[in-house]
């Protein structure tokens, strides 16, 4: 909040209206002229070389055509611009995935969903097709949870979990 350069022109975008609404709510106490745009990364409605910095935080694996999105990002990024991308490792949430598999081996809750389409292990190779310099920084860490509720809420919020962990099945997983 205190370190935002007031001369910057910041556009926050998402494909989802609800995610934009959440972002706007979270930033409501920051006095800044953020712009909020509903944008499909495969068709970015800005002129060539419009942005100095683009950040794609844990989202590329959701885009149906990642290559098309990267073409668009490359197009709207200035020549000396920087593209920051975050992605999980295929090893992320290994313990949670094993727990979900033991709970019910055939439900399909034992993966990270679409994240294997663009992850730490494969992302660099994909990015090198579009950007001349790709650096990887790994942030190690762990989450320790001693309450079932946030674990179940997280799994229920995933693409697979949102249709599987409902009603009694959600209660069963919480008890498990």
C-alpha atoms as a PDB file:
ATOM      1  CA  UNK A   1       0.000   0.000   0.000  1.00  0.00           C
ATOM      2  CA  UNK A   2       2.659   2.507   0.977  1.00  0.00           C
ATOM      3  CA  UNK A   3       5.061   1.534  -1.801  1.00  0.00           C
ATOM      4  CA  UNK A   4       2.780   1.906  -4.826  1.00  0.00           C
ATOM      5  CA  UNK A   5       4.175   4.498  -7.190  1.00  0.00           C
ATOM      6  CA  UNK A   6       1.234   6.840  -7.764  1.00  0.00           C
ATOM      7  CA  UNK A   7       2.493   7.520 -11.319  1.00  0.00           C
ATOM      8  CA  UNK A   8       1.894   3.922 -12.397  1.00  0.00           C
ATOM      9  CA  UNK A   9      -1.082   2.986 -14.520  1.00  0.00           C
ATOM     10  CA  UNK A  10      -2.236  -0.347 -13.026  1.00  0.00           C
ATOM     11  CA  UNK A  11      -4.808  -2.572 -14.712  1.00  0.00           C
ATOM     12  CA  UNK A  12      -6.026  -5.639 -12.821  1.00  0.00           C
ATOM     13  CA  UNK A  13      -7.673  -8.200 -15.031  1.00  0.00           C
ATOM     14  CA  UNK A  14      -9.294 -11.592 -14.883  1.00  0.00           C
ATOM     15  CA  UNK A  15     -11.501 -13.726 -17.083  1.00  0.00           C
ATOM     16  CA  UNK A  16     -13.918 -14.007 -14.157  1.00  0.00           C
ATOM     17  CA  UNK A  17     -16.182 -11.132 -13.109  1.00  0.00           C
ATOM     18  CA  UNK A  18     -16.392 -12.585  -9.608  1.00  0.00           C
ATOM     19  CA  UNK A  19     -12.596 -12.663  -9.238  1.00  0.00           C
ATOM     20  CA  UNK A  20     -12.459  -9.005 -10.275  1.00  0.00           C
ATOM     21  CA  UNK A  21     -15.168  -8.206  -7.750  1.00  0.00           C
ATOM     22  CA  UNK A  22     -13.148  -9.976  -5.023  1.00  0.00           C
ATOM     23  CA  UNK A  23      -9.971  -8.097  -6.007  1.00  0.00           C
ATOM     24  CA  UNK A  24     -11.812  -4.779  -5.946  1.00  0.00           C
ATOM     25  CA  UNK A  25     -13.225  -5.564  -2.498  1.00  0.00           C
ATOM     26  CA  UNK A  26      -9.792  -6.539  -1.133  1.00  0.00           C
ATOM     27  CA  UNK A  27      -8.238  -3.331  -2.486  1.00  0.00           C
ATOM     28  CA  UNK A  28     -11.042  -0.972  -1.488  1.00  0.00           C
ATOM     29  CA  UNK A  29      -9.034   0.618   1.341  1.00  0.00           C
ATOM     30  CA  UNK A  30      -6.093   1.459  -0.903  1.00  0.00           C
ATOM     31  CA  UNK A  31      -6.434   4.901  -2.390  1.00  0.00           C
ATOM     32  CA  UNK A  32      -5.307   4.276  -5.945  1.00  0.00           C
ATOM     33  CA  UNK A  33      -6.842   4.481  -9.376  1.00  0.00           C
ATOM     34  CA  UNK A  34      -6.733   0.773 -10.214  1.00  0.00           C
ATOM     35  CA  UNK A  35      -8.484  -0.172 -13.434  1.00  0.00           C
ATOM     36  CA  UNK A  36     -10.422  -3.450 -13.460  1.00  0.00           C
ATOM     37  CA  UNK A  37     -10.888  -5.229 -16.791  1.00  0.00           C
ATOM     38  CA  UNK A  38     -12.568  -8.519 -17.639  1.00  0.00           C
ATOM     39  CA  UNK A  39     -10.093  -9.958 -20.165  1.00  0.00           C
ATOM     40  CA  UNK A  40      -9.638 -13.240 -21.960  1.00  0.00           C
ATOM     41  CA  UNK A  41      -5.861 -13.851 -22.131  1.00  0.00           C
ATOM     42  CA  UNK A  42      -6.318 -15.352 -25.597  1.00  0.00           C
ATOM     43  CA  UNK A  43      -7.637 -12.036 -26.923  1.00  0.00           C
ATOM     44  CA  UNK A  44      -6.206  -9.080 -24.996  1.00  0.00           C
ATOM     45  CA  UNK A  45      -7.980  -5.859 -26.054  1.00  0.00           C
ATOM     46  CA  UNK A  46      -4.915  -3.585 -25.932  1.00  0.00           C
ATOM     47  CA  UNK A  47      -2.556  -2.224 -28.573  1.00  0.00           C
ATOM     48  CA  UNK A  48       0.818  -3.810 -29.265  1.00  0.00           C
ATOM     49  CA  UNK A  49       3.474  -2.956 -26.686  1.00  0.00           C
ATOM     50  CA  UNK A  50       1.040  -1.463 -24.148  1.00  0.00           C
ATOM     51  CA  UNK A  51       2.531  -2.805 -20.908  1.00  0.00           C
ATOM     52  CA  UNK A  52       5.880  -2.586 -19.127  1.00  0.00           C
ATOM     53  CA  UNK A  53       5.022  -5.458 -16.786  1.00  0.00           C
ATOM     54  CA  UNK A  54       2.503  -8.278 -17.015  1.00  0.00           C
ATOM     55  CA  UNK A  55       1.862 -10.677 -14.153  1.00  0.00           C
ATOM     56  CA  UNK A  56       0.107 -14.012 -14.645  1.00  0.00           C
ATOM     57  CA  UNK A  57      -0.433 -15.422 -11.182  1.00  0.00           C
ATOM     58  CA  UNK A  58      -1.470 -19.070 -11.114  1.00  0.00           C
ATOM     59  CA  UNK A  59      -3.710 -18.767 -14.137  1.00  0.00           C
ATOM     60  CA  UNK A  60      -2.016 -19.894 -17.342  1.00  0.00           C
ATOM     61  CA  UNK A  61      -3.008 -23.508 -16.779  1.00  0.00           C
ATOM     62  CA  UNK A  62      -6.677 -22.476 -16.859  1.00  0.00           C
ATOM     63  CA  UNK A  63      -6.438 -20.849 -20.302  1.00  0.00           C
ATOM     64  CA  UNK A  64      -7.779 -23.229 -22.971  1.00  0.00           C
ATOM     65  CA  UNK A  65      -5.078 -22.274 -25.506  1.00  0.00           C
ATOM     66  CA  UNK A  66      -1.927 -21.398 -23.548  1.00  0.00           C
ATOM     67  CA  UNK A  67       0.093 -20.815 -26.727  1.00  0.00           C
ATOM     68  CA  UNK A  68      -2.454 -18.282 -28.003  1.00  0.00           C
ATOM     69  CA  UNK A  69      -2.421 -16.490 -24.653  1.00  0.00           C
ATOM     70  CA  UNK A  70       1.387 -16.310 -24.658  1.00  0.00           C
ATOM     71  CA  UNK A  71       1.292 -14.867 -28.178  1.00  0.00           C
ATOM     72  CA  UNK A  72      -1.095 -12.197 -26.951  1.00  0.00           C
ATOM     73  CA  UNK A  73       0.968 -11.446 -23.845  1.00  0.00           C
ATOM     74  CA  UNK A  74       4.112 -11.147 -25.959  1.00  0.00           C
ATOM     75  CA  UNK A  75       2.254  -8.810 -28.324  1.00  0.00           C
ATOM     76  CA  UNK A  76       1.056  -6.366 -25.646  1.00  0.00           C
ATOM     77  CA  UNK A  77       4.303  -6.421 -23.646  1.00  0.00           C
ATOM     78  CA  UNK A  78       6.802  -3.670 -24.488  1.00  0.00           C
ATOM     79  CA  UNK A  79      10.126  -4.741 -26.019  1.00  0.00           C
ATOM     80  CA  UNK A  80      12.021  -4.386 -22.727  1.00  0.00           C
ATOM     81  CA  UNK A  81       9.025  -5.379 -20.631  1.00  0.00           C
ATOM     82  CA  UNK A  82       8.951  -8.085 -17.988  1.00  0.00           C
ATOM     83  CA  UNK A  83       6.502 -10.977 -17.780  1.00  0.00           C
ATOM     84  CA  UNK A  84       6.143 -12.564 -14.336  1.00  0.00           C
ATOM     85  CA  UNK A  85       4.479 -15.970 -14.134  1.00  0.00           C
ATOM     86  CA  UNK A  86       3.680 -18.047 -11.081  1.00  0.00           C
ATOM     87  CA  UNK A  87       2.934 -21.752 -11.202  1.00  0.00           C
ATOM     88  CA  UNK A  88       2.993 -24.684  -8.848  1.00  0.00           C
ATOM     89  CA  UNK A  89       5.293 -27.644  -9.080  1.00  0.00           C
ATOM     90  CA  UNK A  90       3.745 -30.949 -10.073  1.00  0.00           C
ATOM     91  CA  UNK A  91       4.784 -31.983  -6.540  1.00  0.00           C
ATOM     92  CA  UNK A  92       2.643 -29.259  -4.926  1.00  0.00           C
ATOM     93  CA  UNK A  93      -0.001 -30.487  -2.541  1.00  0.00           C
ATOM     94  CA  UNK A  94       1.344 -34.036  -2.731  1.00  0.00           C
ATOM     95  CA  UNK A  95       0.161 -34.847   0.793  1.00  0.00           C
ATOM     96  CA  UNK A  96      -3.301 -33.405   0.165  1.00  0.00           C
ATOM     97  CA  UNK A  97      -3.618 -35.326  -3.103  1.00  0.00           C
ATOM     98  CA  UNK A  98      -2.644 -38.576  -1.351  1.00  0.00           C
ATOM     99  CA  UNK A  99      -5.196 -37.874   1.374  1.00  0.00           C
ATOM    100  CA  UNK A 100      -7.910 -37.321  -1.254  1.00  0.00           C
ATOM    101  CA  UNK A 101      -6.903 -40.508  -3.077  1.00  0.00           C
ATOM    102  CA  UNK A 102      -7.080 -42.556   0.143  1.00  0.00           C
ATOM    103  CA  UNK A 103     -10.478 -41.023   0.905  1.00  0.00           C
ATOM    104  CA  UNK A 104     -11.882 -42.158  -2.427  1.00  0.00           C
ATOM    105  CA  UNK A 105      -9.502 -43.499  -5.096  1.00  0.00           C
ATOM    106  CA  UNK A 106     -11.901 -43.178  -8.014  1.00  0.00           C
ATOM    107  CA  UNK A 107     -13.290 -39.659  -7.520  1.00  0.00           C
ATOM    108  CA  UNK A 108     -10.504 -37.773  -9.316  1.00  0.00           C
ATOM    109  CA  UNK A 109      -9.666 -35.521  -6.362  1.00  0.00           C
ATOM    110  CA  UNK A 110      -6.084 -36.762  -6.212  1.00  0.00           C
ATOM    111  CA  UNK A 111      -4.562 -34.291  -8.711  1.00  0.00           C
ATOM    112  CA  UNK A 112      -3.867 -30.584  -8.926  1.00  0.00           C
ATOM    113  CA  UNK A 113      -6.377 -30.299 -11.735  1.00  0.00           C
ATOM    114  CA  UNK A 114      -5.317 -28.339 -14.784  1.00  0.00           C
ATOM    115  CA  UNK A 115      -2.090 -27.139 -13.176  1.00  0.00           C
ATOM    116  CA  UNK A 116      -0.132 -29.877 -14.941  1.00  0.00           C
ATOM    117  CA  UNK A 117      -0.755 -28.002 -18.216  1.00  0.00           C
ATOM    118  CA  UNK A 118       1.652 -25.271 -17.058  1.00  0.00           C
ATOM    119  CA  UNK A 119       3.776 -26.071 -14.038  1.00  0.00           C
ATOM    120  CA  UNK A 120       7.256 -25.440 -12.664  1.00  0.00           C
ATOM    121  CA  UNK A 121       8.701 -28.480 -14.384  1.00  0.00           C
ATOM    122  CA  UNK A 122       7.398 -27.642 -17.880  1.00  0.00           C
ATOM    123  CA  UNK A 123       6.709 -23.897 -17.854  1.00  0.00           C
ATOM    124  CA  UNK A 124      10.208 -22.723 -18.731  1.00  0.00           C
ATOM    125  CA  UNK A 125      10.248 -24.732 -21.965  1.00  0.00           C
ATOM    126  CA  UNK A 126       6.892 -23.293 -22.989  1.00  0.00           C
ATOM    127  CA  UNK A 127       7.950 -19.713 -22.169  1.00  0.00           C
ATOM    128  CA  UNK A 128      11.239 -19.995 -24.064  1.00  0.00           C
ATOM    129  CA  UNK A 129       9.283 -20.242 -27.315  1.00  0.00           C
ATOM    130  CA  UNK A 130       8.013 -16.678 -26.727  1.00  0.00           C
ATOM    131  CA  UNK A 131      10.609 -14.883 -24.612  1.00  0.00           C
ATOM    132  CA  UNK A 132      14.360 -14.625 -25.199  1.00  0.00           C
ATOM    133  CA  UNK A 133      15.259 -14.745 -21.518  1.00  0.00           C
ATOM    134  CA  UNK A 134      13.494 -16.931 -18.962  1.00  0.00           C
ATOM    135  CA  UNK A 135      14.671 -17.079 -15.355  1.00  0.00           C
ATOM    136  CA  UNK A 136      13.171 -19.422 -12.776  1.00  0.00           C
ATOM    137  CA  UNK A 137      13.009 -18.644  -9.066  1.00  0.00           C
ATOM    138  CA  UNK A 138      11.762 -21.336  -6.730  1.00  0.00           C
ATOM    139  CA  UNK A 139      10.024 -20.357  -3.528  1.00  0.00           C
ATOM    140  CA  UNK A 140      10.143 -23.239  -1.101  1.00  0.00           C
ATOM    141  CA  UNK A 141       7.616 -23.428   1.652  1.00  0.00           C
ATOM    142  CA  UNK A 142       4.986 -25.457   3.322  1.00  0.00           C
ATOM    143  CA  UNK A 143       1.540 -25.004   4.714  1.00  0.00           C
ATOM    144  CA  UNK A 144       0.725 -26.677   7.989  1.00  0.00           C
ATOM    145  CA  UNK A 145      -2.974 -27.071   8.692  1.00  0.00           C
ATOM    146  CA  UNK A 146      -4.444 -28.590  11.841  1.00  0.00           C
ATOM    147  CA  UNK A 147      -8.104 -28.077  10.982  1.00  0.00           C
ATOM    148  CA  UNK A 148     -10.083 -29.993   8.352  1.00  0.00           C
ATOM    149  CA  UNK A 149     -12.276 -27.062   7.318  1.00  0.00           C
ATOM    150  CA  UNK A 150      -9.719 -25.063   5.238  1.00  0.00           C
ATOM    151  CA  UNK A 151      -8.403 -28.270   3.653  1.00  0.00           C
ATOM    152  CA  UNK A 152     -11.882 -29.366   2.589  1.00  0.00           C
ATOM    153  CA  UNK A 153     -12.781 -25.822   1.481  1.00  0.00           C
ATOM    154  CA  UNK A 154      -9.694 -25.693  -0.711  1.00  0.00           C
ATOM    155  CA  UNK A 155     -10.308 -29.085  -2.334  1.00  0.00           C
ATOM    156  CA  UNK A 156     -13.999 -28.197  -2.801  1.00  0.00           C
ATOM    157  CA  UNK A 157     -12.983 -24.988  -4.600  1.00  0.00           C
ATOM    158  CA  UNK A 158     -10.943 -26.778  -7.272  1.00  0.00           C
ATOM    159  CA  UNK A 159     -12.354 -27.586 -10.680  1.00  0.00           C
ATOM    160  CA  UNK A 160     -12.797 -31.265  -9.822  1.00  0.00           C
ATOM    161  CA  UNK A 161     -13.827 -30.708  -6.211  1.00  0.00           C
ATOM    162  CA  UNK A 162     -16.522 -28.138  -6.936  1.00  0.00           C
ATOM    163  CA  UNK A 163     -18.722 -30.808  -8.486  1.00  0.00           C
ATOM    164  CA  UNK A 164     -17.635 -33.729  -6.278  1.00  0.00           C
ATOM    165  CA  UNK A 165     -17.309 -32.349  -2.753  1.00  0.00           C
ATOM    166  CA  UNK A 166     -20.868 -31.231  -2.195  1.00  0.00           C
ATOM    167  CA  UNK A 167     -23.493 -32.277   0.318  1.00  0.00           C
ATOM    168  CA  UNK A 168     -22.854 -35.608   2.027  1.00  0.00           C
ATOM    169  CA  UNK A 169     -19.599 -36.238   0.132  1.00  0.00           C
ATOM    170  CA  UNK A 170     -18.176 -32.992   1.522  1.00  0.00           C
ATOM    171  CA  UNK A 171     -19.260 -33.972   5.037  1.00  0.00           C
ATOM    172  CA  UNK A 172     -17.659 -37.411   4.595  1.00  0.00           C
ATOM    173  CA  UNK A 173     -14.375 -35.876   3.429  1.00  0.00           C
ATOM    174  CA  UNK A 174     -14.395 -33.441   6.354  1.00  0.00           C
ATOM    175  CA  UNK A 175     -14.923 -36.316   8.801  1.00  0.00           C
ATOM    176  CA  UNK A 176     -12.248 -38.390   7.070  1.00  0.00           C
END
